Amino acid sequence: MTDPHEQSSPHGLPGQKADQRQVEAAAWLAAVVENSDDAILSKTLDGVIMTWNRGAERMFGFSADEVVGRSITMIIPEDRLPEETEILRRLRAGERIEHFETVRRRKDGELVDISLTVSPVRNAAGEILGASKIARDVSAQKRAYAQQNLLLREMNHRIKNLFSLTAALVGLSARATTGGEALAADLSERLRALARAHALTMPELSDDASGAGTTTFVALLEAVLAPHASDGTPHFTISGADAPLSGNALTSAALLLHELATNATKYGALSVPEGRLSVELSMEDDSLRMQWRESGIPTPPEASRTQGFGSTLERAALAGLQGSLTRDWEPHSLTIRLELPLARLAA
């Protein structure tokens, strides 16, 4: 039996309520699309743009009036046009394309990395009319990933150097001490000196932030070489002028001096008890000049002269400091001459 309340309704209220719910649902959906941070757009199977939300305006720089009715290829770089042909082919086959990473072009010509999801749009009969696209800017993630890879490479390199340096420190301590306790104490002091050098080159990670980012060239040099002086033997001397170090120059100088000290530990004056290192600093023509002379060294192996990652890091550090470095090899000695602009050290 029909509900008497429905029979008495002259306007068919249940149907009206259903229509109202559909209108409200459509309004909610439109608001979600329009206010999304992602670029959301639709196009025909011929690639003609039909809708364009505010997220798309922010991402690509075009207003809706500028793009609706035009081809989607206006935001596709020439070398990426074959992608659109493949996308349209898959759409006509009814496929959905999820999280496709590609590159698109903004109004100002700048390229933007995006993650793209493409879905077919169907009518009531199930026929495919076109596609909806959701594009998310992944440029920041790409940059972060590249930076992460660079940092991981640097960390891997430093860890390898740390193992090599620790092994060398064990050898130096073993030659200078007798007994397990003495060896442990001597080695611990060397490792603490190494930690102090690391703290000096990474002040933003230190517990003491006073004067963070600023030191002097001699202070940095002493910190880098400190692990080789903990047994009281004068393996090295530092004399002459000094200069302030700050900002990016501190990091570049630390990397450069670390490479020189590492090579001296592996192959040079700091690798044998009879080896000696003298470092002389002077100021000339608005530059800091350093003469690093190693004597009493064994015949250097070919490995010390090959171009590896350490050489690449050395060149990068020199480029950052706008400096120059030369090496003069002799049978049992090595002289390194370094020149650095004073203005760059304080930059």
Protein backbone atom coordinates (compact mmCIF):
# COMPACT_ATOMS: atom_id res chain seq x y z
CA MET A 1 0.00 0.00 0.00
CA THR A 2 1.28 3.47 -0.81
CA ASP A 3 2.15 5.73 2.10
CA PRO A 4 -0.80 8.12 2.60
CA HIS A 5 1.59 11.00 3.23
CA GLU A 6 3.19 10.47 -0.19
CA GLN A 7 -0.22 10.34 -1.84
CA SER A 8 -1.19 13.66 -0.31
CA SER A 9 1.93 15.38 -1.62
CA PRO A 10 1.06 17.25 -4.78
CA HIS A 11 4.71 17.90 -5.68
CA GLY A 12 6.43 14.50 -5.24
CA LEU A 13 8.65 15.46 -2.28
CA PRO A 14 10.75 12.24 -2.22
CA GLY A 15 11.92 12.89 -5.76
CA GLN A 16 12.65 16.50 -4.97
CA LYS A 17 14.80 15.46 -2.00
CA ALA A 18 16.83 13.10 -4.21
CA ASP A 19 17.40 15.87 -6.73
CA GLN A 20 18.44 18.23 -3.95
CA ARG A 21 20.95 15.70 -2.60
CA GLN A 22 22.46 15.34 -6.09
CA VAL A 23 22.75 19.11 -6.45
CA GLU A 24 24.42 19.39 -3.05
CA ALA A 25 26.80 16.50 -3.81
CA ALA A 26 27.77 18.14 -7.10
CA ALA A 27 28.40 21.43 -5.28
CA TRP A 28 30.61 19.69 -2.71
CA LEU A 29 32.58 17.96 -5.46
CA ALA A 30 33.01 21.20 -7.40
CA ALA A 31 34.29 22.95 -4.26
CA VAL A 32 36.79 20.15 -3.57
CA VAL A 33 38.11 20.27 -7.15
CA GLU A 34 38.30 24.05 -7.29
CA ASN A 35 40.15 24.40 -3.98
CA SER A 36 42.55 21.48 -4.40
CA ASP A 37 46.27 22.24 -4.25
CA ASP A 38 46.73 19.78 -7.12
CA ALA A 39 46.13 20.80 -10.71
CA ILE A 40 42.86 19.16 -11.83
CA LEU A 41 41.69 19.50 -15.42
CA SER A 42 39.70 17.67 -18.03
CA LYS A 43 40.12 17.28 -21.78
CA THR A 44 38.45 15.63 -24.74
CA LEU A 45 39.84 12.63 -26.58
CA ASP A 46 41.26 15.11 -29.08
CA GLY A 47 43.28 16.76 -26.29
CA VAL A 48 41.15 19.94 -26.01
CA ILE A 49 41.07 21.37 -22.48
CA MET A 50 37.51 21.55 -21.06
CA THR A 51 38.02 22.52 -17.39
CA TRP A 52 40.93 24.01 -15.43
CA ASN A 53 40.91 24.51 -11.65
CA ARG A 54 42.74 27.06 -9.49
CA GLY A 55 45.43 24.52 -8.65
CA ALA A 56 46.21 24.29 -12.36
CA GLU A 57 46.34 28.09 -12.57
CA ARG A 58 48.88 28.21 -9.73
CA MET A 59 50.97 25.31 -11.06
CA PHE A 60 51.15 26.29 -14.73
CA GLY A 61 50.56 30.06 -14.60
CA PHE A 62 47.69 30.08 -17.13
CA SER A 63 44.20 31.23 -16.17
CA ALA A 64 41.21 29.10 -17.13
CA ASP A 65 40.21 31.68 -19.75
CA GLU A 66 43.60 31.31 -21.42
CA VAL A 67 43.49 27.53 -21.81
CA VAL A 68 39.92 26.25 -22.00
CA GLY A 69 39.19 25.32 -25.62
CA ARG A 70 42.89 25.03 -26.50
CA SER A 71 45.05 21.92 -26.93
CA ILE A 72 46.69 20.36 -23.88
CA THR A 73 49.96 20.33 -25.86
CA MET A 74 50.44 23.99 -24.92
CA ILE A 75 51.89 22.84 -21.59
CA ILE A 76 53.79 19.82 -22.95
CA PRO A 77 57.48 20.25 -23.94
CA GLU A 78 58.26 19.18 -27.50
CA ASP A 79 60.34 16.22 -26.41
CA ARG A 80 57.40 14.95 -24.31
CA LEU A 81 54.70 15.13 -27.02
CA PRO A 82 54.87 11.36 -27.72
CA GLU A 83 53.67 10.84 -24.15
CA GLU A 84 50.36 12.55 -24.95
CA THR A 85 49.82 10.31 -27.97
CA GLU A 86 50.33 7.25 -25.77
CA ILE A 87 48.07 8.64 -23.03
CA LEU A 88 45.23 9.24 -25.51
CA ARG A 89 45.66 5.74 -26.93
CA ARG A 90 45.38 4.18 -23.49
CA LEU A 91 42.40 6.37 -22.61
CA ARG A 92 40.48 5.23 -25.67
CA ALA A 93 41.12 1.69 -24.46
CA GLY A 94 39.54 2.60 -21.12
CA GLU A 95 42.77 2.44 -19.11
CA ARG A 96 43.58 4.53 -16.03
CA ILE A 97 47.12 5.89 -15.75
CA GLU A 98 48.38 6.30 -12.17
CA HIS A 99 51.35 8.24 -10.78
CA PHE A 100 53.08 8.80 -14.10
CA GLU A 101 56.08 11.08 -13.48
CA THR A 102 56.84 13.50 -16.27
CA VAL A 103 57.67 17.15 -17.03
CA ARG A 104 55.36 19.97 -18.11
CA ARG A 105 55.94 23.59 -19.09
CA ARG A 106 54.65 26.67 -17.29
CA LYS A 107 53.48 29.87 -18.93
CA ASP A 108 56.87 31.50 -18.24
CA GLY A 109 58.66 28.61 -19.96
CA GLU A 110 59.96 27.04 -16.76
CA LEU A 111 59.72 23.25 -16.58
CA VAL A 112 58.00 21.61 -13.61
CA ASP A 113 58.28 17.98 -12.48
CA ILE A 114 54.85 16.44 -11.91
CA SER A 115 53.22 13.16 -10.94
CA LEU A 116 50.23 12.63 -13.23
CA THR A 117 47.10 10.53 -12.81
CA VAL A 118 44.79 10.24 -15.82
CA SER A 119 41.31 8.68 -15.72
CA PRO A 120 38.75 8.21 -18.51
CA VAL A 121 35.50 10.25 -18.29
CA ARG A 122 32.36 8.37 -19.40
CA ASN A 123 28.79 9.43 -20.14
CA ALA A 124 25.64 7.73 -18.82
CA ALA A 125 25.90 5.10 -21.55
CA GLY A 126 29.47 4.24 -20.53
CA GLU A 127 31.04 5.82 -23.60
CA ILE A 128 34.43 7.51 -23.09
CA LEU A 129 34.15 11.25 -23.72
CA GLY A 130 37.56 12.36 -22.54
CA ALA A 131 39.82 12.34 -19.50
CA SER A 132 40.35 13.94 -16.14
CA LYS A 133 43.92 14.70 -15.09
CA ILE A 134 45.36 15.30 -11.64
CA ALA A 135 48.89 16.72 -11.62
CA ARG A 136 50.98 17.09 -8.45
CA ASP A 137 54.15 19.18 -8.35
CA VAL A 138 57.00 16.88 -7.26
CA SER A 139 59.85 19.34 -7.95
CA ALA A 140 60.64 19.72 -4.24
CA GLN A 141 60.73 15.94 -3.77
CA LYS A 142 63.03 15.61 -6.80
CA ARG A 143 65.42 18.21 -5.40
CA ALA A 144 65.31 16.62 -1.97
CA TYR A 145 66.05 13.21 -3.49
CA ALA A 146 69.01 14.58 -5.44
CA GLN A 147 70.34 16.34 -2.32
CA GLN A 148 69.86 13.16 -0.30
CA ASN A 149 71.88 11.18 -2.85
CA LEU A 150 74.66 13.78 -2.76
CA LEU A 151 74.74 13.71 1.04
CA LEU A 152 74.73 9.91 1.09
CA ARG A 153 77.68 9.84 -1.33
CA GLU A 154 79.54 12.34 0.83
CA MET A 155 78.68 10.39 3.99
CA ASN A 156 79.84 7.15 2.38
CA HIS A 157 83.11 8.78 1.36
CA ARG A 158 83.65 10.22 4.84
CA ILE A 159 82.89 6.88 6.49
CA LYS A 160 85.47 5.15 4.28
CA ASN A 161 87.99 7.84 5.16
CA LEU A 162 87.11 7.47 8.82
CA PHE A 163 87.84 3.75 8.72
CA SER A 164 91.15 4.38 6.96
CA LEU A 165 92.10 7.16 9.36
CA THR A 166 91.08 5.12 12.41
CA ALA A 167 93.25 2.22 11.20
CA ALA A 168 96.16 4.64 10.77
CA LEU A 169 95.57 6.06 14.24
CA VAL A 170 95.64 2.56 15.71
CA GLY A 171 98.98 1.97 14.03
CA LEU A 172 100.42 5.27 15.22
CA SER A 173 99.23 4.66 18.78
CA ALA A 174 100.52 1.08 18.82
CA ARG A 175 104.01 2.21 17.81
CA ALA A 176 104.08 4.93 20.46
CA THR A 177 102.75 2.94 23.43
CA THR A 178 103.10 -0.40 25.19
CA GLY A 179 100.32 -2.28 26.92
CA GLY A 180 96.64 -2.40 26.22
CA GLU A 181 95.59 0.38 28.61
CA ALA A 182 98.13 2.83 27.28
CA LEU A 183 97.15 2.01 23.70
CA ALA A 184 93.47 2.49 24.47
CA ALA A 185 94.07 5.84 26.20
CA ASP A 186 96.30 7.12 23.41
CA LEU A 187 93.89 6.02 20.67
CA SER A 188 90.91 7.50 22.53
CA GLU A 189 92.65 10.86 22.69
CA ARG A 190 93.35 10.79 18.95
CA LEU A 191 89.73 9.99 18.20
CA ARG A 192 88.58 12.82 20.49
CA ALA A 193 90.87 15.18 18.60
CA LEU A 194 89.30 13.98 15.36
CA ALA A 195 85.83 14.66 16.82
CA ARG A 196 86.91 18.20 17.74
CA ALA A 197 87.93 18.81 14.14
CA HIS A 198 84.56 17.56 12.95
CA ALA A 199 82.72 19.82 15.43
CA LEU A 200 84.70 22.82 14.19
CA THR A 201 83.67 22.21 10.58
CA MET A 202 80.02 21.53 11.47
CA PRO A 203 79.22 24.23 14.07
CA GLU A 204 75.48 24.18 13.38
CA LEU A 205 75.35 20.66 14.81
CA SER A 206 77.44 21.45 17.87
CA ASP A 207 75.94 21.85 21.35
CA ASP A 208 77.81 25.14 21.68
CA ALA A 209 76.45 27.51 19.03
CA SER A 210 78.56 30.51 20.14
CA GLY A 211 80.54 31.84 17.22
CA ALA A 212 78.95 29.22 14.97
CA GLY A 213 80.21 29.40 11.44
CA THR A 214 83.31 31.52 12.20
CA THR A 215 86.88 30.45 13.00
CA THR A 216 90.37 31.02 11.59
CA PHE A 217 92.44 29.13 9.05
CA VAL A 218 95.07 28.18 11.62
CA ALA A 219 92.42 26.97 14.09
CA LEU A 220 90.91 24.77 11.42
CA LEU A 221 94.32 23.48 10.37
CA GLU A 222 95.21 22.64 13.97
CA ALA A 223 91.88 20.84 14.45
CA VAL A 224 92.36 18.77 11.30
CA LEU A 225 95.93 17.82 12.26
CA ALA A 226 95.29 17.43 16.01
CA PRO A 227 94.85 13.63 15.93
CA HIS A 228 98.47 13.32 14.81
CA ALA A 229 99.90 15.27 17.76
CA SER A 230 98.32 13.48 20.71
CA ASP A 231 101.43 11.34 21.42
CA GLY A 232 103.54 14.43 22.08
CA THR A 233 105.81 13.81 19.07
CA PRO A 234 106.20 16.89 16.84
CA HIS A 235 105.05 15.29 13.59
CA PHE A 236 104.05 18.71 12.24
CA THR A 237 104.60 22.44 12.76
CA ILE A 238 102.42 25.41 11.78
CA SER A 239 103.85 28.90 11.49
CA GLY A 240 103.17 32.28 9.93
CA ALA A 241 100.07 34.35 9.28
CA ASP A 242 96.40 33.61 9.95
CA ALA A 243 93.07 34.62 8.39
CA PRO A 244 89.40 34.48 9.47
CA LEU A 245 87.15 31.78 8.03
CA SER A 246 83.37 31.90 7.87
CA GLY A 247 80.31 30.77 5.94
CA ASN A 248 80.69 28.39 3.03
CA ALA A 249 84.46 28.99 2.95
CA LEU A 250 84.78 27.13 6.26
CA THR A 251 83.26 23.96 4.84
CA SER A 252 85.29 24.12 1.61
CA ALA A 253 88.54 24.74 3.49
CA ALA A 254 87.78 21.90 5.91
CA LEU A 255 87.18 19.46 3.06
CA LEU A 256 90.37 20.56 1.32
CA LEU A 257 92.61 20.34 4.41
CA HIS A 258 91.01 17.04 5.36
CA GLU A 259 91.94 15.60 1.97
CA LEU A 260 95.54 16.80 2.35
CA ALA A 261 95.79 15.33 5.86
CA THR A 262 94.19 12.06 4.75
CA ASN A 263 96.68 11.69 1.90
CA ALA A 264 99.55 12.48 4.27
CA THR A 265 98.24 9.79 6.63
CA LYS A 266 97.88 7.20 3.88
CA TYR A 267 101.01 7.87 1.84
CA GLY A 268 103.04 10.76 3.20
CA ALA A 269 104.75 12.27 6.22
CA LEU A 270 102.07 11.20 8.69
CA SER A 271 102.19 7.57 7.58
CA VAL A 272 105.66 6.80 9.04
CA PRO A 273 107.33 7.62 12.38
CA GLU A 274 110.22 9.47 10.74
CA GLY A 275 107.92 11.65 8.60
CA ARG A 276 107.61 15.37 9.27
CA LEU A 277 105.13 17.99 8.06
CA SER A 278 105.74 21.74 8.13
CA VAL A 279 103.05 24.25 7.20
CA GLU A 280 104.04 27.87 6.56
CA LEU A 281 101.42 30.59 6.02
CA SER A 282 101.90 34.10 4.63
CA MET A 283 99.84 37.03 3.32
CA GLU A 284 100.66 38.32 -0.15
CA ASP A 285 98.63 40.34 -2.67
CA ASP A 286 95.34 40.01 -0.74
CA SER A 287 95.78 36.24 -0.64
CA LEU A 288 96.58 33.66 2.00
CA ARG A 289 99.43 31.44 0.81
CA MET A 290 100.23 28.09 2.37
CA GLN A 291 103.31 25.94 1.80
CA TRP A 292 102.67 22.38 2.98
CA ARG A 293 105.95 20.46 2.98
CA GLU A 294 106.21 16.76 3.83
CA SER A 295 109.65 15.21 4.34
CA GLY A 296 110.94 11.76 5.24
CA ILE A 297 108.12 10.11 3.36
CA PRO A 298 108.27 6.69 1.68
CA THR A 299 108.17 6.45 -2.09
CA PRO A 300 104.53 7.38 -2.82
CA PRO A 301 102.50 4.60 -4.48
CA GLU A 302 100.75 5.27 -7.76
CA ALA A 303 97.44 5.31 -5.88
CA SER A 304 98.41 8.63 -4.32
CA ARG A 305 98.61 10.25 -7.77
CA THR A 306 95.47 8.82 -9.36
CA GLN A 307 92.29 10.85 -9.89
CA GLY A 308 89.62 9.44 -7.56
CA PHE A 309 86.71 10.87 -5.63
CA GLY A 310 89.15 12.62 -3.29
CA SER A 311 90.59 14.52 -6.26
CA THR A 312 87.09 15.46 -7.38
CA LEU A 313 86.27 16.71 -3.88
CA GLU A 314 89.54 18.64 -3.79
CA ARG A 315 88.75 20.39 -7.09
CA ALA A 316 85.24 21.23 -5.89
CA ALA A 317 86.61 22.71 -2.65
CA LEU A 318 89.16 24.77 -4.57
CA ALA A 319 86.44 26.03 -6.90
CA GLY A 320 84.34 27.05 -3.90
CA LEU A 321 87.31 28.97 -2.49
CA GLN A 322 88.40 30.31 -5.91
CA GLY A 323 91.88 29.09 -5.02
CA SER A 324 94.77 27.31 -6.72
CA LEU A 325 96.94 24.36 -5.65
CA THR A 326 100.12 22.82 -7.04
CA ARG A 327 102.20 19.78 -6.03
CA ASP A 328 105.95 19.26 -6.43
CA TRP A 329 107.08 15.65 -5.90
CA GLU A 330 110.62 14.70 -4.96
CA PRO A 331 111.97 11.20 -4.09
CA HIS A 332 111.21 11.50 -0.36
CA SER A 333 109.35 14.78 -0.04
CA LEU A 334 106.28 16.61 -1.29
CA THR A 335 105.61 20.36 -1.41
CA ILE A 336 102.07 21.62 -1.85
CA ARG A 337 101.47 25.32 -2.54
CA LEU A 338 97.98 26.70 -1.92
CA GLU A 339 96.78 30.24 -2.65
CA LEU A 340 93.36 31.48 -1.45
CA PRO A 341 91.82 34.98 -1.88
CA LEU A 342 91.25 36.59 1.51
CA ALA A 343 87.95 38.07 0.39
CA ARG A 344 86.66 34.61 -0.42
CA LEU A 345 87.63 33.18 2.97
CA ALA A 346 85.36 35.66 4.75
CA ALA A 347 82.46 35.39 2.27
